[in-house]
Amino acid sequence: MRLSDQYLKIVEWSEEDQCYIGHCPNLMLGGVHGDDEAKVYKELCKTVEEWVDIYKQDGTPLPKPTAGKKYSGKFNLRVGKELHEQLSIDALRKGESLNSYCLKMLQGLHSHRP
């Protein structure tokens, strides 16, 4: 396995740019783009390899791997006192726990992603 295989590579269509955009979160700035999804992925893999080499040449530690990452299903989110209060009140109005209410809100936002 190559070091570059430890990093998540994402290729997705961009309505705004009318092309495929490939990026590797947490490892490199920017990305690659083009009209052919497979070619963009191939170019992204090559670019990630180059970034790994740059880290090595600079003697900079590589960021934590992102591919195959395990998620616990929980995270902390700081929202500020006012939003915390409003969300709590909204949850009470719906007869739900704050956790359940926020989870439904996040699932609703996620399901409307482009």
N, C-alpha and C. Protein backbone atom coordinates (compact mmCIF):
# COMPACT_ATOMS: atom_id res chain seq x y z
N MET A 1 0.85 -1.19 0.00
CA MET A 1 0.00 0.00 0.00
C MET A 1 0.89 1.24 0.00
N ARG A 2 0.55 2.19 -0.83
CA ARG A 2 1.27 3.47 -0.89
C ARG A 2 0.74 4.40 0.19
N LEU A 3 1.57 5.33 0.63
CA LEU A 3 1.13 6.32 1.62
C LEU A 3 -0.09 7.09 1.12
N SER A 4 -0.13 7.38 -0.17
CA SER A 4 -1.25 8.15 -0.73
C SER A 4 -2.58 7.41 -0.61
N ASP A 5 -2.52 6.07 -0.48
CA ASP A 5 -3.75 5.28 -0.34
C ASP A 5 -4.43 5.51 1.00
N GLN A 6 -3.74 6.15 1.92
CA GLN A 6 -4.30 6.41 3.24
C GLN A 6 -5.18 7.66 3.28
N TYR A 7 -5.32 8.33 2.13
CA TYR A 7 -6.05 9.59 2.09
C TYR A 7 -7.27 9.49 1.18
N LEU A 8 -8.40 9.96 1.71
CA LEU A 8 -9.66 9.97 0.99
C LEU A 8 -9.56 10.90 -0.22
N LYS A 9 -9.97 10.39 -1.36
CA LYS A 9 -9.96 11.17 -2.60
C LYS A 9 -11.41 11.30 -3.06
N ILE A 10 -11.84 12.52 -3.28
CA ILE A 10 -13.24 12.78 -3.63
C ILE A 10 -13.32 13.44 -5.00
N VAL A 11 -14.15 12.87 -5.87
CA VAL A 11 -14.43 13.48 -7.17
C VAL A 11 -15.94 13.66 -7.24
N GLU A 12 -16.37 14.88 -7.50
CA GLU A 12 -17.81 15.16 -7.58
C GLU A 12 -18.08 16.21 -8.64
N TRP A 13 -19.30 16.17 -9.14
CA TRP A 13 -19.73 17.12 -10.16
C TRP A 13 -20.00 18.47 -9.51
N SER A 14 -19.54 19.53 -10.16
CA SER A 14 -19.80 20.89 -9.69
C SER A 14 -20.73 21.58 -10.67
N GLU A 15 -21.96 21.86 -10.21
CA GLU A 15 -22.91 22.59 -11.06
C GLU A 15 -22.36 23.97 -11.40
N GLU A 16 -21.76 24.60 -10.40
CA GLU A 16 -21.23 25.96 -10.59
C GLU A 16 -20.15 26.01 -11.67
N ASP A 17 -19.24 25.02 -11.65
CA ASP A 17 -18.13 25.01 -12.59
C ASP A 17 -18.42 24.19 -13.84
N GLN A 18 -19.51 23.41 -13.81
CA GLN A 18 -19.89 22.55 -14.93
C GLN A 18 -18.78 21.58 -15.32
N CYS A 19 -18.15 20.99 -14.29
CA CYS A 19 -17.13 19.98 -14.51
C CYS A 19 -16.95 19.17 -13.23
N TYR A 20 -16.15 18.10 -13.32
CA TYR A 20 -15.84 17.30 -12.15
C TYR A 20 -14.69 17.96 -11.40
N ILE A 21 -14.80 17.97 -10.08
CA ILE A 21 -13.77 18.53 -9.22
C ILE A 21 -13.26 17.40 -8.33
N GLY A 22 -11.95 17.25 -8.25
CA GLY A 22 -11.35 16.25 -7.39
C GLY A 22 -10.52 16.92 -6.32
N HIS A 23 -10.67 16.47 -5.07
CA HIS A 23 -9.88 17.03 -3.98
C HIS A 23 -9.58 15.97 -2.94
N CYS A 24 -8.60 16.26 -2.11
CA CYS A 24 -8.17 15.34 -1.06
C CYS A 24 -8.14 16.13 0.25
N PRO A 25 -9.25 16.09 1.00
CA PRO A 25 -9.35 16.88 2.22
C PRO A 25 -8.23 16.57 3.21
N ASN A 26 -7.75 17.60 3.84
CA ASN A 26 -6.77 17.51 4.93
C ASN A 26 -5.35 17.28 4.45
N LEU A 27 -5.14 16.98 3.16
CA LEU A 27 -3.78 16.72 2.68
C LEU A 27 -3.27 17.84 1.79
N MET A 28 -4.11 18.29 0.87
CA MET A 28 -3.64 19.26 -0.12
C MET A 28 -4.62 20.41 -0.29
N LEU A 29 -4.08 21.51 -0.72
CA LEU A 29 -4.90 22.68 -1.04
C LEU A 29 -5.34 22.56 -2.49
N GLY A 30 -6.49 23.12 -2.79
CA GLY A 30 -6.97 23.10 -4.17
C GLY A 30 -7.37 21.72 -4.61
N GLY A 31 -7.38 21.51 -5.92
CA GLY A 31 -7.79 20.23 -6.46
C GLY A 31 -7.55 20.19 -7.95
N VAL A 32 -8.14 19.22 -8.59
CA VAL A 32 -8.04 19.06 -10.03
C VAL A 32 -9.46 19.07 -10.60
N HIS A 33 -9.56 19.36 -11.89
CA HIS A 33 -10.89 19.40 -12.49
C HIS A 33 -10.83 18.98 -13.95
N GLY A 34 -11.99 18.60 -14.49
CA GLY A 34 -12.07 18.21 -15.88
C GLY A 34 -13.46 17.69 -16.22
N ASP A 35 -13.65 17.32 -17.48
CA ASP A 35 -14.95 16.88 -17.97
C ASP A 35 -15.18 15.38 -17.84
N ASP A 36 -14.11 14.62 -17.60
CA ASP A 36 -14.21 13.17 -17.51
C ASP A 36 -13.91 12.73 -16.09
N GLU A 37 -14.90 12.13 -15.43
CA GLU A 37 -14.77 11.75 -14.02
C GLU A 37 -13.57 10.83 -13.77
N ALA A 38 -13.40 9.82 -14.63
CA ALA A 38 -12.31 8.86 -14.45
C ALA A 38 -10.95 9.53 -14.62
N LYS A 39 -10.85 10.42 -15.59
CA LYS A 39 -9.58 11.13 -15.81
C LYS A 39 -9.28 12.07 -14.65
N VAL A 40 -10.30 12.70 -14.10
CA VAL A 40 -10.10 13.58 -12.94
C VAL A 40 -9.61 12.75 -11.75
N TYR A 41 -10.19 11.57 -11.55
CA TYR A 41 -9.75 10.72 -10.44
C TYR A 41 -8.29 10.29 -10.63
N LYS A 42 -7.95 9.90 -11.84
CA LYS A 42 -6.57 9.49 -12.14
C LYS A 42 -5.60 10.64 -11.88
N GLU A 43 -5.95 11.83 -12.32
CA GLU A 43 -5.11 13.01 -12.10
C GLU A 43 -5.03 13.34 -10.60
N LEU A 44 -6.14 13.17 -9.89
CA LEU A 44 -6.15 13.42 -8.45
C LEU A 44 -5.20 12.46 -7.73
N CYS A 45 -5.24 11.19 -8.11
CA CYS A 45 -4.33 10.20 -7.49
C CYS A 45 -2.87 10.60 -7.71
N LYS A 46 -2.56 11.03 -8.92
CA LYS A 46 -1.20 11.47 -9.24
C LYS A 46 -0.83 12.70 -8.41
N THR A 47 -1.75 13.64 -8.28
CA THR A 47 -1.50 14.87 -7.52
C THR A 47 -1.31 14.56 -6.04
N VAL A 48 -2.08 13.63 -5.50
CA VAL A 48 -1.93 13.24 -4.09
C VAL A 48 -0.55 12.63 -3.87
N GLU A 49 -0.10 11.78 -4.80
CA GLU A 49 1.26 11.22 -4.72
C GLU A 49 2.30 12.34 -4.66
N GLU A 50 2.11 13.35 -5.50
CA GLU A 50 3.06 14.48 -5.53
C GLU A 50 3.05 15.23 -4.20
N TRP A 51 1.87 15.41 -3.62
CA TRP A 51 1.79 16.09 -2.32
C TRP A 51 2.47 15.29 -1.23
N VAL A 52 2.30 13.98 -1.24
CA VAL A 52 2.97 13.13 -0.26
C VAL A 52 4.49 13.29 -0.40
N ASP A 53 4.96 13.31 -1.64
CA ASP A 53 6.40 13.52 -1.89
C ASP A 53 6.87 14.87 -1.37
N ILE A 54 6.05 15.90 -1.55
CA ILE A 54 6.41 17.24 -1.06
C ILE A 54 6.55 17.24 0.45
N TYR A 55 5.60 16.60 1.12
CA TYR A 55 5.69 16.49 2.59
C TYR A 55 7.00 15.81 2.99
N LYS A 56 7.32 14.70 2.31
CA LYS A 56 8.54 13.96 2.63
C LYS A 56 9.78 14.82 2.40
N GLN A 57 9.84 15.49 1.23
CA GLN A 57 11.00 16.31 0.89
C GLN A 57 11.18 17.46 1.88
N ASP A 58 10.07 18.03 2.34
CA ASP A 58 10.14 19.14 3.29
C ASP A 58 10.40 18.66 4.72
N GLY A 59 10.30 17.36 4.93
CA GLY A 59 10.46 16.83 6.28
C GLY A 59 9.29 17.17 7.19
N THR A 60 8.15 17.45 6.58
CA THR A 60 6.94 17.81 7.32
C THR A 60 6.13 16.54 7.57
N PRO A 61 5.65 16.33 8.80
CA PRO A 61 4.82 15.14 9.05
C PRO A 61 3.54 15.19 8.22
N LEU A 62 3.16 14.05 7.70
CA LEU A 62 1.91 13.97 6.94
C LEU A 62 0.72 14.13 7.89
N PRO A 63 -0.37 14.73 7.40
CA PRO A 63 -1.59 14.79 8.22
C PRO A 63 -2.10 13.39 8.51
N LYS A 64 -2.97 13.28 9.51
CA LYS A 64 -3.56 11.98 9.84
C LYS A 64 -4.30 11.43 8.62
N PRO A 65 -4.20 10.12 8.40
CA PRO A 65 -4.92 9.50 7.28
C PRO A 65 -6.43 9.73 7.38
N THR A 66 -7.08 9.83 6.22
CA THR A 66 -8.52 10.06 6.18
C THR A 66 -9.28 8.90 5.55
N ALA A 67 -8.61 8.03 4.82
CA ALA A 67 -9.28 6.88 4.20
C ALA A 67 -9.51 5.80 5.25
N GLY A 68 -10.67 5.19 5.22
CA GLY A 68 -10.98 4.11 6.14
C GLY A 68 -11.15 4.55 7.58
N LYS A 69 -11.32 5.84 7.78
CA LYS A 69 -11.48 6.37 9.13
C LYS A 69 -12.75 5.82 9.76
N LYS A 70 -12.66 5.45 11.01
CA LYS A 70 -13.83 4.97 11.76
C LYS A 70 -14.44 6.14 12.51
N TYR A 71 -15.76 6.22 12.50
CA TYR A 71 -16.47 7.31 13.16
C TYR A 71 -17.26 6.77 14.34
N SER A 72 -17.24 7.51 15.43
CA SER A 72 -17.90 7.06 16.66
C SER A 72 -19.41 7.32 16.63
N GLY A 73 -19.86 8.24 15.80
CA GLY A 73 -21.27 8.59 15.77
C GLY A 73 -21.62 9.74 16.69
N LYS A 74 -20.61 10.34 17.27
CA LYS A 74 -20.87 11.50 18.13
C LYS A 74 -19.75 12.53 17.97
N PHE A 75 -20.12 13.78 18.15
CA PHE A 75 -19.16 14.87 18.13
C PHE A 75 -19.72 16.02 18.94
N ASN A 76 -18.84 16.88 19.40
CA ASN A 76 -19.27 18.06 20.17
C ASN A 76 -19.35 19.25 19.23
N LEU A 77 -20.36 20.06 19.44
CA LEU A 77 -20.57 21.23 18.60
C LEU A 77 -20.87 22.42 19.48
N ARG A 78 -20.08 23.45 19.38
CA ARG A 78 -20.32 24.67 20.14
C ARG A 78 -21.19 25.60 19.30
N VAL A 79 -22.35 25.96 19.84
CA VAL A 79 -23.32 26.73 19.05
C VAL A 79 -23.59 28.11 19.63
N GLY A 80 -23.07 28.40 20.79
CA GLY A 80 -23.36 29.68 21.44
C GLY A 80 -24.60 29.57 22.30
N LYS A 81 -24.69 30.43 23.30
CA LYS A 81 -25.77 30.36 24.29
C LYS A 81 -27.14 30.60 23.67
N GLU A 82 -27.22 31.59 22.79
CA GLU A 82 -28.53 31.95 22.22
C GLU A 82 -29.09 30.83 21.35
N LEU A 83 -28.24 30.26 20.48
CA LEU A 83 -28.72 29.18 19.62
C LEU A 83 -29.04 27.94 20.46
N HIS A 84 -28.23 27.66 21.47
CA HIS A 84 -28.49 26.54 22.36
C HIS A 84 -29.87 26.70 23.00
N GLU A 85 -30.15 27.89 23.47
CA GLU A 85 -31.45 28.16 24.10
C GLU A 85 -32.58 27.96 23.09
N GLN A 86 -32.43 28.52 21.90
CA GLN A 86 -33.50 28.43 20.90
C GLN A 86 -33.74 26.99 20.46
N LEU A 87 -32.66 26.24 20.25
CA LEU A 87 -32.81 24.84 19.87
C LEU A 87 -33.50 24.04 20.98
N SER A 88 -33.14 24.32 22.23
CA SER A 88 -33.75 23.63 23.37
C SER A 88 -35.24 23.93 23.45
N ILE A 89 -35.61 25.18 23.23
CA ILE A 89 -37.02 25.57 23.26
C ILE A 89 -37.77 24.90 22.11
N ASP A 90 -37.17 24.91 20.92
CA ASP A 90 -37.81 24.28 19.76
C ASP A 90 -38.02 22.78 20.01
N ALA A 91 -37.02 22.13 20.61
CA ALA A 91 -37.13 20.70 20.92
C ALA A 91 -38.25 20.45 21.92
N LEU A 92 -38.34 21.30 22.94
CA LEU A 92 -39.41 21.17 23.93
C LEU A 92 -40.78 21.31 23.28
N ARG A 93 -40.90 22.27 22.37
CA ARG A 93 -42.17 22.48 21.67
C ARG A 93 -42.58 21.26 20.87
N LYS A 94 -41.59 20.54 20.34
CA LYS A 94 -41.87 19.34 19.55
C LYS A 94 -42.00 18.10 20.43
N GLY A 95 -41.72 18.27 21.74
CA GLY A 95 -41.79 17.12 22.65
C GLY A 95 -40.66 16.14 22.45
N GLU A 96 -39.51 16.64 22.04
CA GLU A 96 -38.36 15.80 21.76
C GLU A 96 -37.18 16.20 22.64
N SER A 97 -36.22 15.30 22.75
CA SER A 97 -34.98 15.67 23.43
C SER A 97 -34.19 16.58 22.49
N LEU A 98 -33.31 17.35 23.05
CA LEU A 98 -32.47 18.23 22.24
C LEU A 98 -31.67 17.41 21.25
N ASN A 99 -31.12 16.28 21.69
CA ASN A 99 -30.33 15.43 20.82
C ASN A 99 -31.15 14.94 19.63
N SER A 100 -32.35 14.40 19.90
CA SER A 100 -33.20 13.89 18.82
C SER A 100 -33.60 15.00 17.85
N TYR A 101 -33.95 16.15 18.41
CA TYR A 101 -34.36 17.28 17.58
C TYR A 101 -33.21 17.71 16.66
N CYS A 102 -32.02 17.88 17.21
CA CYS A 102 -30.87 18.31 16.40
C CYS A 102 -30.49 17.26 15.37
N LEU A 103 -30.58 15.99 15.74
CA LEU A 103 -30.28 14.92 14.80
C LEU A 103 -31.23 14.98 13.60
N LYS A 104 -32.52 15.16 13.86
CA LYS A 104 -33.48 15.26 12.77
C LYS A 104 -33.20 16.48 11.88
N MET A 105 -32.82 17.58 12.52
CA MET A 105 -32.49 18.79 11.76
C MET A 105 -31.28 18.53 10.84
N LEU A 106 -30.25 17.90 11.38
CA LEU A 106 -29.06 17.62 10.58
C LEU A 106 -29.35 16.63 9.46
N GLN A 107 -30.17 15.60 9.76
CA GLN A 107 -30.53 14.64 8.72
C GLN A 107 -31.32 15.32 7.61
N GLY A 108 -32.18 16.26 7.97
CA GLY A 108 -32.94 16.99 6.97
C GLY A 108 -32.05 17.84 6.09
N LEU A 109 -31.06 18.49 6.69
CA LEU A 109 -30.13 19.29 5.91
C LEU A 109 -29.30 18.40 4.98
N HIS A 110 -28.85 17.27 5.51
CA HIS A 110 -28.01 16.38 4.74
C HIS A 110 -28.77 15.77 3.56
N SER A 111 -30.05 15.47 3.74
CA SER A 111 -30.83 14.86 2.66
C SER A 111 -31.13 15.85 1.54
N HIS A 112 -30.96 17.13 1.79
CA HIS A 112 -31.20 18.15 0.75
C HIS A 112 -29.93 18.61 0.07
N ARG A 113 -28.81 17.90 0.33
CA ARG A 113 -27.55 18.26 -0.32
C ARG A 113 -27.66 18.06 -1.82
N PRO A 114 -26.99 18.92 -2.60
CA PRO A 114 -26.99 18.74 -4.05
C PRO A 114 -26.19 17.53 -4.48
